[in-house]
Structure formats: structure tokens, C-alpha cells
C-alpha atoms as a PDB file:
ATOM      1  CA  MET A   1      30.673  11.160  -2.780  1.00  0.00           C
ATOM      2  CA  LEU A   2      30.458  11.140   1.003  1.00  0.00           C
ATOM      3  CA  THR A   3      29.296  14.309   2.729  1.00  0.00           C
ATOM      4  CA  PRO A   4      31.684  15.382   5.501  1.00  0.00           C
ATOM      5  CA  PHE A   5      30.186  15.150   8.951  1.00  0.00           C
ATOM      6  CA  LYS A   6      29.120  18.650   9.982  1.00  0.00           C
ATOM      7  CA  LEU A   7      26.055  20.031  11.743  1.00  0.00           C
ATOM      8  CA  LYS A   8      24.574  22.707   9.526  1.00  0.00           C
ATOM      9  CA  PHE A   9      21.505  23.354  11.688  1.00  0.00           C
ATOM     10  CA  ALA A  10      22.875  22.689  15.148  1.00  0.00           C
ATOM     11  CA  HIS A  11      22.296  26.329  16.164  1.00  0.00           C
ATOM     12  CA  ILE A  12      18.612  25.677  15.760  1.00  0.00           C
ATOM     13  CA  TYR A  13      18.011  22.316  17.461  1.00  0.00           C
ATOM     14  CA  ILE A  14      20.798  22.088  20.060  1.00  0.00           C
ATOM     15  CA  PRO A  15      19.286  24.951  22.145  1.00  0.00           C
ATOM     16  CA  GLY A  16      15.948  23.110  21.953  1.00  0.00           C
ATOM     17  CA  ILE A  17      17.384  19.808  23.120  1.00  0.00           C
ATOM     18  CA  ILE A  18      19.299  21.502  25.964  1.00  0.00           C
ATOM     19  CA  VAL A  19      16.362  23.613  27.201  1.00  0.00           C
ATOM     20  CA  ILE A  20      14.172  20.495  27.372  1.00  0.00           C
ATOM     21  CA  GLY A  21      16.584  18.671  29.650  1.00  0.00           C
ATOM     22  CA  VAL A  22      17.598  21.665  31.783  1.00  0.00           C
ATOM     23  CA  GLY A  23      14.049  23.063  31.963  1.00  0.00           C
ATOM     24  CA  LEU A  24      12.539  19.814  33.139  1.00  0.00           C
ATOM     25  CA  TRP A  25      15.262  19.453  35.850  1.00  0.00           C
ATOM     26  CA  ILE A  26      14.528  22.962  37.037  1.00  0.00           C
ATOM     27  CA  ASP A  27      10.791  22.117  37.299  1.00  0.00           C
ATOM     28  CA  SER A  28      11.653  18.885  39.128  1.00  0.00           C
ATOM     29  CA  LEU A  29      10.688  17.720  42.597  1.00  0.00           C
ATOM     30  CA  TYR A  30      14.349  18.055  43.552  1.00  0.00           C
ATOM     31  CA  VAL A  31      14.594  21.727  42.759  1.00  0.00           C
ATOM     32  CA  THR A  32      11.301  22.509  44.524  1.00  0.00           C
ATOM     33  CA  ARG A  33      13.107  21.879  47.787  1.00  0.00           C
ATOM     34  CA  PHE A  34      15.156  25.031  47.170  1.00  0.00           C
ATOM     35  CA  THR A  35      12.753  27.303  45.320  1.00  0.00           C
ATOM     36  CA  ASP A  36       8.985  27.608  44.588  1.00  0.00           C
ATOM     37  CA  TYR A  37       9.659  29.320  41.255  1.00  0.00           C
ATOM     38  CA  GLY A  38      11.126  26.378  39.247  1.00  0.00           C
ATOM     39  CA  GLN A  39       8.223  26.237  36.846  1.00  0.00           C
ATOM     40  CA  GLU A  40       8.365  29.992  36.224  1.00  0.00           C
ATOM     41  CA  ILE A  41      12.057  29.786  35.473  1.00  0.00           C
ATOM     42  CA  THR A  42      11.540  26.946  33.030  1.00  0.00           C
ATOM     43  CA  ASN A  43       8.634  28.850  31.392  1.00  0.00           C
ATOM     44  CA  THR A  44      11.022  31.783  30.829  1.00  0.00           C
ATOM     45  CA  LEU A  45      13.873  29.680  29.460  1.00  0.00           C
ATOM     46  CA  VAL A  46      11.611  27.763  27.095  1.00  0.00           C
ATOM     47  CA  PHE A  47       9.994  30.951  25.857  1.00  0.00           C
ATOM     48  CA  ILE A  48      13.432  32.457  25.107  1.00  0.00           C
ATOM     49  CA  VAL A  49      14.490  29.392  23.111  1.00  0.00           C
ATOM     50  CA  TYR A  50      11.103  29.324  21.335  1.00  0.00           C
ATOM     51  CA  VAL A  51      11.536  32.915  20.201  1.00  0.00           C
ATOM     52  CA  TRP A  52      15.179  32.169  19.157  1.00  0.00           C
ATOM     53  CA  MET A  53      14.054  29.253  16.995  1.00  0.00           C
ATOM     54  CA  LEU A  54      11.250  31.353  15.461  1.00  0.00           C
ATOM     55  CA  PHE A  55      13.859  33.795  14.191  1.00  0.00           C
ATOM     56  CA  LYS A  56      16.230  31.056  12.956  1.00  0.00           C
ATOM     57  CA  THR A  57      13.798  28.749  11.145  1.00  0.00           C
ATOM     58  CA  SER A  58      12.208  28.992   7.697  1.00  0.00           C
ATOM     59  CA  LYS A  59       8.942  30.836   7.157  1.00  0.00           C
ATOM     60  CA  VAL A  60       6.979  27.590   6.774  1.00  0.00           C
ATOM     61  CA  THR A  61       8.471  26.089   9.980  1.00  0.00           C
ATOM     62  CA  ARG A  62       7.827  29.400  11.817  1.00  0.00           C
ATOM     63  CA  ILE A  63       4.165  29.202  10.890  1.00  0.00           C
ATOM     64  CA  LEU A  64       3.940  25.573  11.971  1.00  0.00           C
ATOM     65  CA  MET A  65       5.558  26.488  15.288  1.00  0.00           C
ATOM     66  CA  LEU A  66       3.071  29.339  15.790  1.00  0.00           C
ATOM     67  CA  VAL A  67      -0.051  27.247  15.044  1.00  0.00           C
ATOM     68  CA  GLY A  68       1.425  24.328  16.981  1.00  0.00           C
ATOM     69  CA  VAL A  69       1.275  26.163  20.327  1.00  0.00           C
ATOM     70  CA  PRO A  70      -2.576  26.566  20.551  1.00  0.00           C
ATOM     71  CA  ILE A  71      -3.030  23.067  19.091  1.00  0.00           C
ATOM     72  CA  ALA A  72      -0.705  21.660  21.775  1.00  0.00           C
ATOM     73  CA  LEU A  73      -2.507  23.645  24.509  1.00  0.00           C
ATOM     74  CA  VAL A  74      -5.936  22.295  23.524  1.00  0.00           C
ATOM     75  CA  GLY A  75      -4.518  18.794  23.396  1.00  0.00           C
ATOM     76  CA  GLU A  76      -2.820  19.090  26.745  1.00  0.00           C
ATOM     77  CA  VAL A  77      -5.843  20.486  28.512  1.00  0.00           C
ATOM     78  CA  THR A  78      -8.048  17.839  27.024  1.00  0.00           C
ATOM     79  CA  LEU A  79      -5.801  14.835  27.715  1.00  0.00           C
ATOM     80  CA  SER A  80      -4.248  15.895  31.001  1.00  0.00           C
ATOM     81  CA  ILE A  81      -6.818  17.959  32.878  1.00  0.00           C
ATOM     82  CA  GLY A  82      -9.957  16.709  31.093  1.00  0.00           C
ATOM     83  CA  LEU A  83      -9.274  12.993  30.658  1.00  0.00           C
ATOM     84  CA  GLY A  84      -6.520  12.364  33.191  1.00  0.00           C
ATOM     85  CA  MET A  85      -4.260  10.570  30.731  1.00  0.00           C
ATOM     86  CA  TYR A  86      -1.270  11.958  32.709  1.00  0.00           C
ATOM     87  CA  THR A  87      -0.903  14.544  35.465  1.00  0.00           C
ATOM     88  CA  TYR A  88       1.527  17.419  35.803  1.00  0.00           C
ATOM     89  CA  ARG A  89       3.279  18.143  39.132  1.00  0.00           C
ATOM     90  CA  LEU A  90       1.050  21.089  39.995  1.00  0.00           C
ATOM     91  CA  GLU A  91      -2.021  19.521  38.315  1.00  0.00           C
ATOM     92  CA  ASN A  92      -1.932  22.253  35.672  1.00  0.00           C
ATOM     93  CA  VAL A  93      -0.599  22.557  32.187  1.00  0.00           C
ATOM     94  CA  PRO A  94       2.730  24.404  32.551  1.00  0.00           C
ATOM     95  CA  HIS A  95       3.192  27.263  30.070  1.00  0.00           C
ATOM     96  CA  TYR A  96       6.391  25.688  28.814  1.00  0.00           C
ATOM     97  CA  VAL A  97       4.618  22.568  27.657  1.00  0.00           C
ATOM     98  CA  PRO A  98       2.785  23.902  24.525  1.00  0.00           C
ATOM     99  CA  LEU A  99       5.868  25.900  23.631  1.00  0.00           C
ATOM    100  CA  GLY A 100       7.977  22.774  24.169  1.00  0.00           C
ATOM    101  CA  HIS A 101       5.835  20.859  21.672  1.00  0.00           C
ATOM    102  CA  ALA A 102       6.656  23.352  19.002  1.00  0.00           C
ATOM    103  CA  ILE A 103      10.356  23.332  19.973  1.00  0.00           C
ATOM    104  CA  VAL A 104      10.433  19.537  19.751  1.00  0.00           C
ATOM    105  CA  TYR A 105       8.746  19.613  16.366  1.00  0.00           C
ATOM    106  CA  ALA A 106      11.117  22.130  14.901  1.00  0.00           C
ATOM    107  CA  SER A 107      14.178  20.498  16.458  1.00  0.00           C
ATOM    108  CA  VAL A 108      13.451  17.166  14.962  1.00  0.00           C
ATOM    109  CA  TYR A 109      12.622  18.676  11.613  1.00  0.00           C
ATOM    110  CA  TYR A 110      16.067  20.388  11.402  1.00  0.00           C
ATOM    111  CA  ILE A 111      17.848  17.289  12.657  1.00  0.00           C
ATOM    112  CA  THR A 112      16.438  15.362   9.720  1.00  0.00           C
ATOM    113  CA  LYS A 113      17.538  18.148   7.372  1.00  0.00           C
ATOM    114  CA  GLU A 114      21.208  17.699   8.230  1.00  0.00           C
ATOM    115  CA  PRO A 115      23.109  16.736   5.089  1.00  0.00           C
ATOM    116  CA  TRP A 116      24.875  13.876   6.855  1.00  0.00           C
ATOM    117  CA  VAL A 117      21.556  12.484   8.095  1.00  0.00           C
ATOM    118  CA  ARG A 118      20.022  12.782   4.674  1.00  0.00           C
ATOM    119  CA  GLN A 119      22.887  10.978   3.012  1.00  0.00           C
ATOM    120  CA  HIS A 120      22.775   8.092   5.468  1.00  0.00           C
ATOM    121  CA  GLN A 121      19.008   8.124   6.075  1.00  0.00           C
ATOM    122  CA  GLN A 122      18.362   4.499   5.099  1.00  0.00           C
ATOM    123  CA  SER A 123      21.039   3.159   7.485  1.00  0.00           C
ATOM    124  CA  ILE A 124      19.800   5.527  10.213  1.00  0.00           C
ATOM    125  CA  ILE A 125      16.194   4.435   9.660  1.00  0.00           C
ATOM    126  CA  LYS A 126      17.104   0.765  10.003  1.00  0.00           C
ATOM    127  CA  LEU A 127      19.136   1.376  13.134  1.00  0.00           C
ATOM    128  CA  LEU A 128      16.502   3.545  14.826  1.00  0.00           C
ATOM    129  CA  TYR A 129      13.713   1.195  13.847  1.00  0.00           C
ATOM    130  CA  PHE A 130      15.563  -1.736  15.442  1.00  0.00           C
ATOM    131  CA  ILE A 131      16.254   0.262  18.615  1.00  0.00           C
ATOM    132  CA  MET A 132      12.601   1.373  18.789  1.00  0.00           C
ATOM    133  CA  VAL A 133      11.232  -2.153  18.612  1.00  0.00           C
ATOM    134  CA  THR A 134      13.828  -3.451  21.062  1.00  0.00           C
ATOM    135  CA  TYR A 135      13.242  -0.580  23.523  1.00  0.00           C
ATOM    136  CA  SER A 136       9.422  -0.991  23.540  1.00  0.00           C
ATOM    137  CA  THR A 137       9.704  -4.775  23.770  1.00  0.00           C
ATOM    138  CA  LEU A 138      12.006  -4.576  26.802  1.00  0.00           C
ATOM    139  CA  TRP A 139       9.737  -2.003  28.345  1.00  0.00           C
ATOM    140  CA  LEU A 140       6.808  -4.418  27.851  1.00  0.00           C
ATOM    141  CA  VAL A 141       8.696  -7.383  29.300  1.00  0.00           C
ATOM    142  CA  PHE A 142      10.148  -5.659  32.394  1.00  0.00           C
ATOM    143  CA  THR A 143       7.426  -3.087  33.184  1.00  0.00           C
ATOM    144  CA  GLN A 144       4.291  -4.687  31.632  1.00  0.00           C
ATOM    145  CA  ASP A 145       3.931  -1.565  29.491  1.00  0.00           C
ATOM    146  CA  VAL A 146       1.091  -2.806  27.260  1.00  0.00           C
ATOM    147  CA  PHE A 147      -0.031   0.708  26.424  1.00  0.00           C
ATOM    148  CA  GLY A 148       3.429   1.810  25.317  1.00  0.00           C
ATOM    149  CA  PHE A 149       3.869  -1.304  23.256  1.00  0.00           C
ATOM    150  CA  MET A 150       0.490  -0.691  21.592  1.00  0.00           C
ATOM    151  CA  CYS A 151       1.589   2.806  20.676  1.00  0.00           C
ATOM    152  CA  MET A 152       4.792   1.373  19.160  1.00  0.00           C
ATOM    153  CA  ILE A 153       2.746  -1.025  17.060  1.00  0.00           C
ATOM    154  CA  ILE A 154       0.631   1.892  15.833  1.00  0.00           C
ATOM    155  CA  ALA A 155       3.859   3.674  14.932  1.00  0.00           C
ATOM    156  CA  MET A 156       5.001   0.642  12.931  1.00  0.00           C
ATOM    157  CA  TYR A 157       1.703   0.564  11.013  1.00  0.00           C
ATOM    158  CA  LEU A 158       1.985   4.303  10.285  1.00  0.00           C
ATOM    159  CA  PHE A 159       5.535   3.858   9.013  1.00  0.00           C
ATOM    160  CA  LYS A 160       4.326   1.158   6.610  1.00  0.00           C
ATOM    161  CA  ARG A 161       1.301   3.241   5.607  1.00  0.00           C
ATOM    162  CA  PHE A 162       3.402   6.450   5.160  1.00  0.00           C
ATOM    163  CA  PRO A 163       6.999   5.341   4.541  1.00  0.00           C
ATOM    164  CA  GLU A 164       8.094   8.877   3.682  1.00  0.00           C
ATOM    165  CA  THR A 165       7.615   9.830   7.353  1.00  0.00           C
ATOM    166  CA  LYS A 166       9.946   7.206   8.820  1.00  0.00           C
ATOM    167  CA  LEU A 167      13.040   9.378   9.252  1.00  0.00           C
ATOM    168  CA  PHE A 168      11.171  12.256  10.859  1.00  0.00           C
ATOM    169  CA  PHE A 169       9.082  10.195  13.211  1.00  0.00           C
ATOM    170  CA  LEU A 170      11.804   7.804  14.253  1.00  0.00           C
ATOM    171  CA  PHE A 171      13.823  10.796  15.410  1.00  0.00           C
ATOM    172  CA  MET A 172      10.636  12.161  17.000  1.00  0.00           C
ATOM    173  CA  PHE A 173      10.089   8.844  18.774  1.00  0.00           C
ATOM    174  CA  PHE A 174      13.428   9.115  20.481  1.00  0.00           C
ATOM    175  CA  MET A 175      13.103  12.781  21.186  1.00  0.00           C
ATOM    176  CA  VAL A 176       9.940  11.919  23.061  1.00  0.00           C
ATOM    177  CA  VAL A 177      11.678   9.091  24.856  1.00  0.00           C
ATOM    178  CA  TYR A 178      14.326  11.609  25.895  1.00  0.00           C
ATOM    179  CA  LEU A 179      11.906  14.134  27.301  1.00  0.00           C
ATOM    180  CA  GLU A 180       9.573  11.562  28.811  1.00  0.00           C
ATOM    181  CA  LEU A 181      12.344   9.780  30.718  1.00  0.00           C
ATOM    182  CA  ILE A 182      13.647  13.076  32.095  1.00  0.00           C
ATOM    183  CA  GLY A 183      10.204  14.484  32.848  1.00  0.00           C
ATOM    184  CA  THR A 184       8.858  11.484  34.722  1.00  0.00           C
ATOM    185  CA  TYR A 185      12.127  10.844  36.517  1.00  0.00           C
ATOM    186  CA  CYS A 186      12.162  14.431  37.741  1.00  0.00           C
ATOM    187  CA  GLY A 187       8.499  14.206  38.768  1.00  0.00           C
ATOM    188  CA  CYS A 188       7.317  16.942  36.379  1.00  0.00           C
ATOM    189  CA  TRP A 189       4.443  14.656  35.413  1.00  0.00           C
ATOM    190  CA  VAL A 190       3.284  11.120  36.002  1.00  0.00           C
ATOM    191  CA  TRP A 191       1.465   8.506  33.965  1.00  0.00           C
ATOM    192  CA  PRO A 192      -1.079   6.328  35.798  1.00  0.00           C
ATOM    193  CA  PRO A 193      -0.423   2.530  36.038  1.00  0.00           C
ATOM    194  CA  VAL A 194      -3.278   1.838  33.616  1.00  0.00           C
ATOM    195  CA  TRP A 195      -4.439   3.593  30.505  1.00  0.00           C
ATOM    196  CA  PHE A 196      -6.337   6.838  31.480  1.00  0.00           C
ATOM    197  CA  ASP A 197      -6.324   5.429  35.057  1.00  0.00           C
ATOM    198  CA  VAL A 198      -9.492   3.573  33.997  1.00  0.00           C
ATOM    199  CA  PHE A 199      -8.793   0.645  31.649  1.00  0.00           C
ATOM    200  CA  THR A 200      -7.293  -1.916  34.007  1.00  0.00           C
ATOM    201  CA  TRP A 201      -6.661  -4.424  31.179  1.00  0.00           C
ATOM    202  CA  ILE A 202      -4.178  -1.947  29.534  1.00  0.00           C
ATOM    203  CA  PRO A 203      -1.246  -1.506  31.945  1.00  0.00           C
ATOM    204  CA  SER A 204       1.054   1.428  31.369  1.00  0.00           C
ATOM    205  CA  ALA A 205       4.570   2.247  32.392  1.00  0.00           C
ATOM    206  CA  ASN A 206       5.634   5.651  33.652  1.00  0.00           C
ATOM    207  CA  PRO A 207       6.294   6.730  30.879  1.00  0.00           C
ATOM    208  CA  PRO A 208       4.788   4.566  28.159  1.00  0.00           C
ATOM    209  CA  SER A 209       7.570   3.551  25.802  1.00  0.00           C
ATOM    210  CA  GLY A 210       5.837   4.298  22.491  1.00  0.00           C
ATOM    211  CA  ILE A 211       3.982   7.442  23.325  1.00  0.00           C
ATOM    212  CA  GLY A 212       5.949   9.327  20.666  1.00  0.00           C
ATOM    213  CA  ALA A 213       3.455   7.904  18.138  1.00  0.00           C
ATOM    214  CA  ALA A 214       1.018  10.536  19.382  1.00  0.00           C
ATOM    215  CA  TYR A 215       3.110  13.161  17.550  1.00  0.00           C
ATOM    216  CA  TYR A 216       1.560  11.867  14.323  1.00  0.00           C
ATOM    217  CA  ILE A 217      -1.658  13.518  15.525  1.00  0.00           C
ATOM    218  CA  PHE A 218       0.109  16.731  16.482  1.00  0.00           C
ATOM    219  CA  ASP A 219       1.913  16.823  13.157  1.00  0.00           C
ATOM    220  CA  THR A 220      -1.258  16.240  11.226  1.00  0.00           C
ATOM    221  CA  MET A 221      -3.171  18.936  13.147  1.00  0.00           C
ATOM    222  CA  CYS A 222      -0.349  21.462  12.466  1.00  0.00           C
ATOM    223  CA  LEU A 223      -0.289  20.649   8.815  1.00  0.00           C
ATOM    224  CA  VAL A 224      -4.054  20.886   8.509  1.00  0.00           C
ATOM    225  CA  ALA A 225      -4.014  24.290  10.228  1.00  0.00           C
ATOM    226  CA  TYR A 226      -1.242  25.543   7.925  1.00  0.00           C
ATOM    227  CA  ASN A 227      -3.172  24.201   4.912  1.00  0.00           C
ATOM    228  CA  ILE A 228      -6.319  26.057   5.947  1.00  0.00           C
ATOM    229  CA  PHE A 229      -4.567  29.415   6.177  1.00  0.00           C
ATOM    230  CA  ASN A 230      -2.020  28.927   3.394  1.00  0.00           C
ATOM    231  CA  THR A 231      -3.667  26.733   0.799  1.00  0.00           C
ATOM    232  CA  ARG A 232      -1.716  27.884  -2.243  1.00  0.00           C
ATOM    233  CA  LYS A 233       1.625  27.919  -0.477  1.00  0.00           C
ATOM    234  CA  TRP A 234       0.957  24.442   0.948  1.00  0.00           C
ATOM    235  CA  GLN A 235       0.207  23.051  -2.513  1.00  0.00           C
ATOM    236  CA  ARG A 236       3.447  24.541  -3.848  1.00  0.00           C
ATOM    237  CA  LEU A 237       5.383  23.108  -0.911  1.00  0.00           C
ATOM    238  CA  ARG A 238       3.946  19.626  -1.472  1.00  0.00           C
ATOM    239  CA  ARG A 239       4.852  19.757  -5.119  1.00  0.00           C
ATOM    240  CA  ARG A 240       8.421  20.750  -4.286  1.00  0.00           C
ATOM    241  CA  GLN A 241       8.690  18.015  -1.685  1.00  0.00           C
ATOM    242  CA  ALA A 242       7.374  15.442  -4.171  1.00  0.00           C
ATOM    243  CA  PHE A 243       9.889  16.600  -6.774  1.00  0.00           C
ATOM    244  CA  LYS A 244      12.727  16.496  -4.264  1.00  0.00           C
ATOM    245  CA  GLN A 245      11.781  13.012  -3.181  1.00  0.00           C
ATOM    246  CA  ILE A 246      11.817  11.806  -6.788  1.00  0.00           C
ATOM    247  CA  GLN A 247      15.291  13.294  -7.221  1.00  0.00           C
ATOM    248  CA  GLU A 248      16.586  11.561  -4.131  1.00  0.00           C
ATOM    249  CA  GLU A 249      15.205   8.211  -5.290  1.00  0.00           C
ATOM    250  CA  VAL A 250      16.803   8.636  -8.723  1.00  0.00           C
ATOM    251  CA  THR A 251      20.240   9.593  -7.335  1.00  0.00           C
ATOM    252  CA  SER A 252      20.239   7.048  -4.430  1.00  0.00           C
END
């Protein structure tokens, strides 16, 4: 029986998707011509949506969003300020960025929980997988984006190694494409023409096409942190997830 198309969790992830696009535009080089407080406005908007999502998500997701912020902050400071992998407009790490990582994480999670998505997940996976490969290949051909293409290859390997993650991380891949295209176009941050601005034999586009693969690391760190502080609950959650996956395989 087909599930009617309806968005059960739109009230959670739609605000997240909107605030990413609107917030990056407000922090853009274009808006700075009219105000010096664009980044502060975006920080405020993103914080409001972050708190909204905390109250609307499940307890497990709420904890993952909370632990995700310091993890994202450490990662951003290390990669951006420490290693120069990319550079933000004011050469800082905007306050909205770590919060934004948690918003993206929760938004994608609830998109993949939509009943319509679940029922058609195999078709969606095939379509998104094809678009991902095509997108990164075209980026490689027309912008010499070797780094982005390498990231996409890593994502393909991880999909093969952990097939149960395909649906989540394919949506994550394109959520990152969305925010990276807006963020770099608006001048909120910039990626150097080569990897880390050092390795000249690995050219990079601005943005790299497959950088969404990096969210595997963020996801793993969040789950590890949750596991450390909630060992018993995590074990029960994994057992429920495994049982649910078996049910879906039997009924599919």
C-alpha cells in the first residue's frame, strides 16, 4: 500500500533549511555593503532555529545536537584557523557555524524519517547516487576539482562499506552541496585553489564537490560522544535500530 505524500517532520527541518540559506545571504559580501552586523544577525537567527529544533526533536537527537556543537567548533577551529583548509570572511569561525552543523545533522535525520522517503528509499538512493556521481564528475571536468572528486570516491567506498548509511549520507551530501554553493557564492568563506593551499598536485574547486563526505567524521564523533555518556541507552537504541532494519527487509 502506497503511503500518501505528506511531510510529517517538515516543521523540524524546513526552518533549518531556510535559516541556512537566509543566514548565509545575510552574512554575505553583498549585505556587508549596507550593514556591519550581518554576521551577528545570522548568529541570532541560527541560534533561534537551533533552540526551536532542540525542543521539537527526540531526546536522542537533542543530545546529539548538543554534543555536536563543541565537536563542530573544535573541528572548525582546527581545519579553518589552524590548517587553513578554508577561510571564513572575517578569518574567524562564526558562531552560527557550529550551531549550523547540528542543524544540518538534525534536518537530514528528520528528512530521512519521512514516511514517504522511507517507503521509496531504494529509488531515492539510486537517483541521488547517480546525481552525486554526475555532479562530482562534471565538477572535476569543468573546474579540475580533484579534491572534491576524491571526497566523492571516499563517500562511494563508505556507502559500500556501510550500506545502511546510504540514505542519510546521500541526503547529507546534497545538503552540504546546498550550503556550500550558497556560502561560497555569497563570500561567507572560500576554499583555496589547492588542497590546504599547500598540495599543488591536488586542485580544488570553490567549493569542492564531494566535501559532504566529511560529515561521516562529524557523525562518528557525535555518536562516539553519545556512546560515552549514554552507554546503556546507546546499546538499546542500536538493538532497536537493528530490529527495525530486519523488519523493513522482511516487508520490502
